[in-house]
């Protein structure tokens, strides 16, 4: 029984020292004010640049209106939260390319969309990477519904909508995400984020010292217990 208790203690100790996972939680981008070529921003410890024409850019945390409502349209079993800081990039063109470039490869990249297309204009984005539709539905401002190219679970590289809203995910790893538009309209907008952590954080020195000390102690216990 003492052998089992020592082993269980070691397992619990290692588990406690390991980084915690963020199940279902998305860190959305902090979007900076627009420039003549696009904008820049950060997602946690990852920085990015966005290049491409835009209709307007609402910088994060500046009091801009939050279009990502209701929450139920943008959340799912994979994504537990919607954007809330007012940050959004909106575009209105057709046939142009838009590109996000990240400082380090990212996985589980999230894109939440507002008002893609109009009832009579089925606007589309063609991405350079496949995605999965996680959620979709009406927007609290413009109504609408799911993406016209398919509902939740739909995969592919073309996102199309006629007043459509929701959240999609790119598994990655992705260093650069690009898409071209077709059938532009007055404007449609989006925010991006990362689900969970893409890079495990380095344990704090105090945690490493505690873990090392405990392992040494357990090693000594094992030598004494099993010595002939």
C-alpha atoms as a PDB file:
ATOM      1  CA  UNK A   1       0.000   0.000   0.000  1.00  0.00           C
ATOM      2  CA  UNK A   2       2.883   2.370   0.759  1.00  0.00           C
ATOM      3  CA  UNK A   3       4.294   1.744  -2.723  1.00  0.00           C
ATOM      4  CA  UNK A   4       0.946   2.720  -4.240  1.00  0.00           C
ATOM      5  CA  UNK A   5       0.604   5.858  -2.100  1.00  0.00           C
ATOM      6  CA  UNK A   6       4.040   7.094  -3.148  1.00  0.00           C
ATOM      7  CA  UNK A   7       3.269   6.512  -6.832  1.00  0.00           C
ATOM      8  CA  UNK A   8      -0.074   8.291  -6.562  1.00  0.00           C
ATOM      9  CA  UNK A   9       1.574  11.236  -4.833  1.00  0.00           C
ATOM     10  CA  UNK A  10       4.097  11.528  -7.646  1.00  0.00           C
ATOM     11  CA  UNK A  11       1.346  11.511 -10.289  1.00  0.00           C
ATOM     12  CA  UNK A  12      -0.648  14.198  -8.487  1.00  0.00           C
ATOM     13  CA  UNK A  13       2.463  16.318  -7.987  1.00  0.00           C
ATOM     14  CA  UNK A  14       3.413  16.210 -11.664  1.00  0.00           C
ATOM     15  CA  UNK A  15      -0.171  16.983 -12.709  1.00  0.00           C
ATOM     16  CA  UNK A  16      -0.299  20.019 -10.424  1.00  0.00           C
ATOM     17  CA  UNK A  17       2.982  21.348 -11.776  1.00  0.00           C
ATOM     18  CA  UNK A  18       1.856  20.974 -15.409  1.00  0.00           C
ATOM     19  CA  UNK A  19       0.283  23.992 -17.202  1.00  0.00           C
ATOM     20  CA  UNK A  20      -3.501  24.137 -17.022  1.00  0.00           C
ATOM     21  CA  UNK A  21      -5.490  23.770 -20.247  1.00  0.00           C
ATOM     22  CA  UNK A  22      -8.049  26.339 -21.359  1.00  0.00           C
ATOM     23  CA  UNK A  23     -10.825  24.045 -22.542  1.00  0.00           C
ATOM     24  CA  UNK A  24     -13.128  25.907 -24.892  1.00  0.00           C
ATOM     25  CA  UNK A  25     -11.850  29.391 -24.026  1.00  0.00           C
ATOM     26  CA  UNK A  26     -10.810  31.667 -26.885  1.00  0.00           C
ATOM     27  CA  UNK A  27      -8.349  34.532 -26.551  1.00  0.00           C
ATOM     28  CA  UNK A  28      -9.583  37.056 -29.093  1.00  0.00           C
ATOM     29  CA  UNK A  29      -7.359  39.556 -30.859  1.00  0.00           C
ATOM     30  CA  UNK A  30      -6.492  42.991 -29.592  1.00  0.00           C
ATOM     31  CA  UNK A  31      -6.846  44.940 -32.843  1.00  0.00           C
ATOM     32  CA  UNK A  32      -4.955  48.208 -33.263  1.00  0.00           C
ATOM     33  CA  UNK A  33      -6.251  51.229 -35.225  1.00  0.00           C
ATOM     34  CA  UNK A  34      -6.077  50.903 -38.994  1.00  0.00           C
ATOM     35  CA  UNK A  35      -3.254  52.134 -41.216  1.00  0.00           C
ATOM     36  CA  UNK A  36      -3.152  52.733 -44.943  1.00  0.00           C
ATOM     37  CA  UNK A  37      -2.315  49.065 -45.594  1.00  0.00           C
ATOM     38  CA  UNK A  38      -4.286  47.284 -42.870  1.00  0.00           C
ATOM     39  CA  UNK A  39      -3.601  46.926 -39.170  1.00  0.00           C
ATOM     40  CA  UNK A  40      -1.627  45.039 -36.535  1.00  0.00           C
ATOM     41  CA  UNK A  41      -2.547  43.357 -33.273  1.00  0.00           C
ATOM     42  CA  UNK A  42      -1.865  40.644 -30.744  1.00  0.00           C
ATOM     43  CA  UNK A  43      -3.531  37.458 -29.540  1.00  0.00           C
ATOM     44  CA  UNK A  44      -2.036  36.721 -26.154  1.00  0.00           C
ATOM     45  CA  UNK A  45       1.693  36.358 -26.814  1.00  0.00           C
ATOM     46  CA  UNK A  46       1.291  36.112 -30.619  1.00  0.00           C
ATOM     47  CA  UNK A  47       1.488  39.235 -32.759  1.00  0.00           C
ATOM     48  CA  UNK A  48       0.003  39.557 -36.238  1.00  0.00           C
ATOM     49  CA  UNK A  49      -0.329  41.889 -39.188  1.00  0.00           C
ATOM     50  CA  UNK A  50      -3.396  42.218 -41.374  1.00  0.00           C
ATOM     51  CA  UNK A  51      -2.926  43.519 -44.920  1.00  0.00           C
ATOM     52  CA  UNK A  52      -5.702  44.293 -47.358  1.00  0.00           C
ATOM     53  CA  UNK A  53      -8.334  46.858 -48.232  1.00  0.00           C
ATOM     54  CA  UNK A  54     -10.930  47.511 -45.579  1.00  0.00           C
ATOM     55  CA  UNK A  55     -14.149  49.480 -45.156  1.00  0.00           C
ATOM     56  CA  UNK A  56     -13.402  50.389 -41.519  1.00  0.00           C
ATOM     57  CA  UNK A  57     -11.498  49.012 -38.541  1.00  0.00           C
ATOM     58  CA  UNK A  58     -12.836  49.244 -35.008  1.00  0.00           C
ATOM     59  CA  UNK A  59      -9.856  49.065 -32.657  1.00  0.00           C
ATOM     60  CA  UNK A  60     -10.283  46.937 -29.544  1.00  0.00           C
ATOM     61  CA  UNK A  61     -11.147  48.471 -26.179  1.00  0.00           C
ATOM     62  CA  UNK A  62     -11.951  51.911 -27.575  1.00  0.00           C
ATOM     63  CA  UNK A  63     -15.694  51.910 -26.926  1.00  0.00           C
ATOM     64  CA  UNK A  64     -16.696  50.683 -30.397  1.00  0.00           C
ATOM     65  CA  UNK A  65     -20.021  48.880 -30.722  1.00  0.00           C
ATOM     66  CA  UNK A  66     -19.863  45.109 -30.211  1.00  0.00           C
ATOM     67  CA  UNK A  67     -21.565  43.444 -33.181  1.00  0.00           C
ATOM     68  CA  UNK A  68     -20.911  39.884 -31.981  1.00  0.00           C
ATOM     69  CA  UNK A  69     -24.329  39.240 -30.465  1.00  0.00           C
ATOM     70  CA  UNK A  70     -26.119  37.173 -29.400  1.00  0.00           C
ATOM     71  CA  UNK A  71     -23.457  35.051 -27.725  1.00  0.00           C
ATOM     72  CA  UNK A  72     -25.237  31.848 -28.780  1.00  0.00           C
ATOM     73  CA  UNK A  73     -24.485  32.560 -32.452  1.00  0.00           C
ATOM     74  CA  UNK A  74     -20.742  32.593 -31.822  1.00  0.00           C
ATOM     75  CA  UNK A  75     -20.303  29.872 -29.179  1.00  0.00           C
ATOM     76  CA  UNK A  76     -20.354  26.087 -29.281  1.00  0.00           C
ATOM     77  CA  UNK A  77     -18.989  22.994 -27.545  1.00  0.00           C
ATOM     78  CA  UNK A  78     -15.556  24.081 -28.809  1.00  0.00           C
ATOM     79  CA  UNK A  79     -15.830  27.832 -28.242  1.00  0.00           C
ATOM     80  CA  UNK A  80     -17.265  29.030 -24.936  1.00  0.00           C
ATOM     81  CA  UNK A  81     -16.987  32.807 -25.430  1.00  0.00           C
ATOM     82  CA  UNK A  82     -17.635  35.455 -28.083  1.00  0.00           C
ATOM     83  CA  UNK A  83     -15.703  38.678 -28.801  1.00  0.00           C
ATOM     84  CA  UNK A  84     -16.674  41.478 -26.399  1.00  0.00           C
ATOM     85  CA  UNK A  85     -14.125  44.303 -26.770  1.00  0.00           C
ATOM     86  CA  UNK A  86     -15.572  45.943 -29.907  1.00  0.00           C
ATOM     87  CA  UNK A  87     -12.598  45.037 -32.109  1.00  0.00           C
ATOM     88  CA  UNK A  88     -13.506  44.215 -35.725  1.00  0.00           C
ATOM     89  CA  UNK A  89     -12.127  44.442 -39.241  1.00  0.00           C
ATOM     90  CA  UNK A  90     -14.748  45.127 -41.895  1.00  0.00           C
ATOM     91  CA  UNK A  91     -14.369  44.818 -45.654  1.00  0.00           C
ATOM     92  CA  UNK A  92     -16.562  45.612 -48.666  1.00  0.00           C
ATOM     93  CA  UNK A  93     -14.508  44.691 -51.734  1.00  0.00           C
ATOM     94  CA  UNK A  94     -14.664  41.870 -54.263  1.00  0.00           C
ATOM     95  CA  UNK A  95     -11.781  40.018 -55.905  1.00  0.00           C
ATOM     96  CA  UNK A  96      -9.121  41.303 -53.500  1.00  0.00           C
ATOM     97  CA  UNK A  97      -6.844  39.341 -51.158  1.00  0.00           C
ATOM     98  CA  UNK A  98      -6.732  39.752 -47.388  1.00  0.00           C
ATOM     99  CA  UNK A  99      -3.898  38.252 -45.332  1.00  0.00           C
ATOM    100  CA  UNK A 100      -3.147  37.630 -41.650  1.00  0.00           C
ATOM    101  CA  UNK A 101       0.517  36.900 -40.906  1.00  0.00           C
ATOM    102  CA  UNK A 102       1.439  35.594 -37.440  1.00  0.00           C
ATOM    103  CA  UNK A 103       4.704  35.955 -35.551  1.00  0.00           C
ATOM    104  CA  UNK A 104       4.694  32.221 -34.825  1.00  0.00           C
ATOM    105  CA  UNK A 105       2.675  29.327 -36.261  1.00  0.00           C
ATOM    106  CA  UNK A 106      -0.727  29.059 -34.563  1.00  0.00           C
ATOM    107  CA  UNK A 107      -3.196  26.213 -34.131  1.00  0.00           C
ATOM    108  CA  UNK A 108      -6.929  26.289 -33.462  1.00  0.00           C
ATOM    109  CA  UNK A 109      -7.344  29.682 -35.125  1.00  0.00           C
ATOM    110  CA  UNK A 110     -10.858  31.058 -34.697  1.00  0.00           C
ATOM    111  CA  UNK A 111     -12.632  33.533 -37.006  1.00  0.00           C
ATOM    112  CA  UNK A 112     -15.979  35.007 -35.937  1.00  0.00           C
ATOM    113  CA  UNK A 113     -18.006  36.594 -38.739  1.00  0.00           C
ATOM    114  CA  UNK A 114     -20.603  39.382 -38.783  1.00  0.00           C
ATOM    115  CA  UNK A 115     -23.116  39.923 -41.594  1.00  0.00           C
ATOM    116  CA  UNK A 116     -21.523  37.983 -44.444  1.00  0.00           C
ATOM    117  CA  UNK A 117     -23.588  38.917 -47.489  1.00  0.00           C
ATOM    118  CA  UNK A 118     -27.071  40.321 -47.863  1.00  0.00           C
ATOM    119  CA  UNK A 119     -30.327  38.491 -48.636  1.00  0.00           C
ATOM    120  CA  UNK A 120     -29.801  39.228 -52.342  1.00  0.00           C
ATOM    121  CA  UNK A 121     -25.968  39.157 -52.334  1.00  0.00           C
ATOM    122  CA  UNK A 122     -24.333  35.824 -51.340  1.00  0.00           C
ATOM    123  CA  UNK A 123     -20.857  37.081 -50.460  1.00  0.00           C
ATOM    124  CA  UNK A 124     -18.033  34.553 -50.093  1.00  0.00           C
ATOM    125  CA  UNK A 125     -14.483  34.203 -48.764  1.00  0.00           C
ATOM    126  CA  UNK A 126     -12.138  31.632 -50.341  1.00  0.00           C
ATOM    127  CA  UNK A 127      -9.384  30.741 -47.849  1.00  0.00           C
ATOM    128  CA  UNK A 128      -5.959  29.188 -48.401  1.00  0.00           C
ATOM    129  CA  UNK A 129      -6.726  26.700 -45.603  1.00  0.00           C
ATOM    130  CA  UNK A 130      -9.658  24.429 -44.800  1.00  0.00           C
ATOM    131  CA  UNK A 131     -11.937  25.261 -41.876  1.00  0.00           C
ATOM    132  CA  UNK A 132     -14.837  23.790 -39.922  1.00  0.00           C
ATOM    133  CA  UNK A 133     -18.022  25.704 -39.081  1.00  0.00           C
ATOM    134  CA  UNK A 134     -18.428  25.590 -35.286  1.00  0.00           C
ATOM    135  CA  UNK A 135     -21.572  27.696 -34.917  1.00  0.00           C
ATOM    136  CA  UNK A 136     -23.866  29.986 -36.886  1.00  0.00           C
ATOM    137  CA  UNK A 137     -27.161  31.807 -36.608  1.00  0.00           C
ATOM    138  CA  UNK A 138     -28.830  35.221 -36.584  1.00  0.00           C
ATOM    139  CA  UNK A 139     -27.058  38.395 -35.584  1.00  0.00           C
ATOM    140  CA  UNK A 140     -28.549  40.619 -32.898  1.00  0.00           C
ATOM    141  CA  UNK A 141     -28.316  43.680 -35.157  1.00  0.00           C
ATOM    142  CA  UNK A 142     -28.971  42.435 -38.694  1.00  0.00           C
ATOM    143  CA  UNK A 143     -30.798  39.134 -38.211  1.00  0.00           C
ATOM    144  CA  UNK A 144     -29.885  36.562 -40.840  1.00  0.00           C
ATOM    145  CA  UNK A 145     -28.837  32.998 -40.107  1.00  0.00           C
ATOM    146  CA  UNK A 146     -26.333  30.260 -40.889  1.00  0.00           C
ATOM    147  CA  UNK A 147     -23.816  30.296 -43.709  1.00  0.00           C
ATOM    148  CA  UNK A 148     -25.447  29.383 -47.004  1.00  0.00           C
ATOM    149  CA  UNK A 149     -22.629  26.957 -47.918  1.00  0.00           C
ATOM    150  CA  UNK A 150     -23.619  24.733 -44.979  1.00  0.00           C
ATOM    151  CA  UNK A 151     -24.446  24.614 -41.310  1.00  0.00           C
ATOM    152  CA  UNK A 152     -22.500  23.547 -38.239  1.00  0.00           C
ATOM    153  CA  UNK A 153     -19.881  20.917 -39.015  1.00  0.00           C
ATOM    154  CA  UNK A 154     -19.440  21.976 -42.643  1.00  0.00           C
ATOM    155  CA  UNK A 155     -15.823  21.831 -43.799  1.00  0.00           C
ATOM    156  CA  UNK A 156     -14.065  23.314 -46.809  1.00  0.00           C
ATOM    157  CA  UNK A 157     -12.198  26.437 -47.886  1.00  0.00           C
ATOM    158  CA  UNK A 158     -15.115  28.596 -49.137  1.00  0.00           C
ATOM    159  CA  UNK A 159     -17.300  30.456 -46.633  1.00  0.00           C
ATOM    160  CA  UNK A 160     -20.455  31.865 -48.184  1.00  0.00           C
ATOM    161  CA  UNK A 161     -23.352  33.701 -46.635  1.00  0.00           C
ATOM    162  CA  UNK A 162     -26.492  35.687 -47.326  1.00  0.00           C
ATOM    163  CA  UNK A 163     -26.672  37.795 -44.152  1.00  0.00           C
ATOM    164  CA  UNK A 164     -24.861  35.037 -42.250  1.00  0.00           C
ATOM    165  CA  UNK A 165     -23.024  35.009 -38.933  1.00  0.00           C
ATOM    166  CA  UNK A 166     -21.044  32.539 -36.850  1.00  0.00           C
ATOM    167  CA  UNK A 167     -17.662  31.087 -35.923  1.00  0.00           C
ATOM    168  CA  UNK A 168     -15.264  28.880 -37.883  1.00  0.00           C
ATOM    169  CA  UNK A 169     -12.010  27.168 -36.897  1.00  0.00           C
ATOM    170  CA  UNK A 170      -8.741  26.446 -38.719  1.00  0.00           C
ATOM    171  CA  UNK A 171      -6.775  23.665 -36.999  1.00  0.00           C
ATOM    172  CA  UNK A 172      -3.361  24.677 -38.379  1.00  0.00           C
ATOM    173  CA  UNK A 173      -0.560  25.119 -37.769  1.00  0.00           C
ATOM    174  CA  UNK A 174      -0.886  28.378 -39.690  1.00  0.00           C
ATOM    175  CA  UNK A 175       1.698  31.102 -40.204  1.00  0.00           C
ATOM    176  CA  UNK A 176      -0.255  33.021 -42.837  1.00  0.00           C
ATOM    177  CA  UNK A 177      -4.016  32.945 -43.467  1.00  0.00           C
ATOM    178  CA  UNK A 178      -5.236  34.503 -46.728  1.00  0.00           C
ATOM    179  CA  UNK A 179      -8.603  34.745 -48.422  1.00  0.00           C
ATOM    180  CA  UNK A 180     -10.104  36.373 -51.485  1.00  0.00           C
ATOM    181  CA  UNK A 181     -13.597  37.849 -51.622  1.00  0.00           C
ATOM    182  CA  UNK A 182     -16.375  37.509 -54.153  1.00  0.00           C
ATOM    183  CA  UNK A 183     -19.617  39.480 -54.547  1.00  0.00           C
ATOM    184  CA  UNK A 184     -18.707  42.321 -52.236  1.00  0.00           C
ATOM    185  CA  UNK A 185     -21.376  44.287 -50.395  1.00  0.00           C
ATOM    186  CA  UNK A 186     -21.710  47.345 -48.165  1.00  0.00           C
ATOM    187  CA  UNK A 187     -19.605  45.667 -45.456  1.00  0.00           C
ATOM    188  CA  UNK A 188     -19.044  42.435 -43.574  1.00  0.00           C
ATOM    189  CA  UNK A 189     -16.740  42.070 -40.587  1.00  0.00           C
ATOM    190  CA  UNK A 190     -14.727  39.623 -38.521  1.00  0.00           C
ATOM    191  CA  UNK A 191     -12.542  39.122 -35.479  1.00  0.00           C
ATOM    192  CA  UNK A 192      -9.967  36.372 -34.906  1.00  0.00           C
ATOM    193  CA  UNK A 193      -8.710  34.502 -31.867  1.00  0.00           C
ATOM    194  CA  UNK A 194      -6.978  31.373 -30.597  1.00  0.00           C
ATOM    195  CA  UNK A 195      -8.705  28.519 -28.795  1.00  0.00           C
ATOM    196  CA  UNK A 196      -6.612  27.348 -25.857  1.00  0.00           C
ATOM    197  CA  UNK A 197      -2.874  27.704 -25.757  1.00  0.00           C
ATOM    198  CA  UNK A 198      -0.643  27.281 -28.788  1.00  0.00           C
ATOM    199  CA  UNK A 199       2.572  27.237 -26.743  1.00  0.00           C
ATOM    200  CA  UNK A 200       2.740  25.789 -23.245  1.00  0.00           C
ATOM    201  CA  UNK A 201       3.971  28.419 -20.756  1.00  0.00           C
ATOM    202  CA  UNK A 202       7.291  27.897 -19.013  1.00  0.00           C
ATOM    203  CA  UNK A 203       6.733  26.806 -15.378  1.00  0.00           C
ATOM    204  CA  UNK A 204       7.719  29.406 -12.815  1.00  0.00           C
ATOM    205  CA  UNK A 205      11.115  28.793 -11.120  1.00  0.00           C
ATOM    206  CA  UNK A 206       9.414  28.163  -7.770  1.00  0.00           C
ATOM    207  CA  UNK A 207       7.292  25.396  -9.326  1.00  0.00           C
ATOM    208  CA  UNK A 208      10.359  23.777 -10.844  1.00  0.00           C
ATOM    209  CA  UNK A 209      12.188  23.882  -7.529  1.00  0.00           C
ATOM    210  CA  UNK A 210       9.221  22.313  -5.734  1.00  0.00           C
ATOM    211  CA  UNK A 211       8.907  19.589  -8.349  1.00  0.00           C
ATOM    212  CA  UNK A 212      12.644  18.836  -8.339  1.00  0.00           C
ATOM    213  CA  UNK A 213      12.827  18.715  -4.557  1.00  0.00           C
ATOM    214  CA  UNK A 214       9.837  16.396  -4.339  1.00  0.00           C
ATOM    215  CA  UNK A 215      11.205  14.049  -6.986  1.00  0.00           C
ATOM    216  CA  UNK A 216      14.533  13.822  -5.170  1.00  0.00           C
ATOM    217  CA  UNK A 217      12.699  13.033  -1.950  1.00  0.00           C
ATOM    218  CA  UNK A 218      10.647  10.313  -3.617  1.00  0.00           C
ATOM    219  CA  UNK A 219      13.769   8.821  -5.167  1.00  0.00           C
ATOM    220  CA  UNK A 220      15.351   8.610  -1.738  1.00  0.00           C
ATOM    221  CA  UNK A 221      12.186   7.008  -0.363  1.00  0.00           C
ATOM    222  CA  UNK A 222      12.272   4.381  -3.089  1.00  0.00           C
ATOM    223  CA  UNK A 223      15.955   3.553  -2.449  1.00  0.00           C
ATOM    224  CA  UNK A 224      15.334   3.107   1.266  1.00  0.00           C
ATOM    225  CA  UNK A 225      12.155   1.106   0.736  1.00  0.00           C
ATOM    226  CA  UNK A 226      13.580  -1.355  -1.751  1.00  0.00           C
ATOM    227  CA  UNK A 227      17.148  -1.647  -0.468  1.00  0.00           C
ATOM    228  CA  UNK A 228      18.240  -5.258   0.068  1.00  0.00           C
END
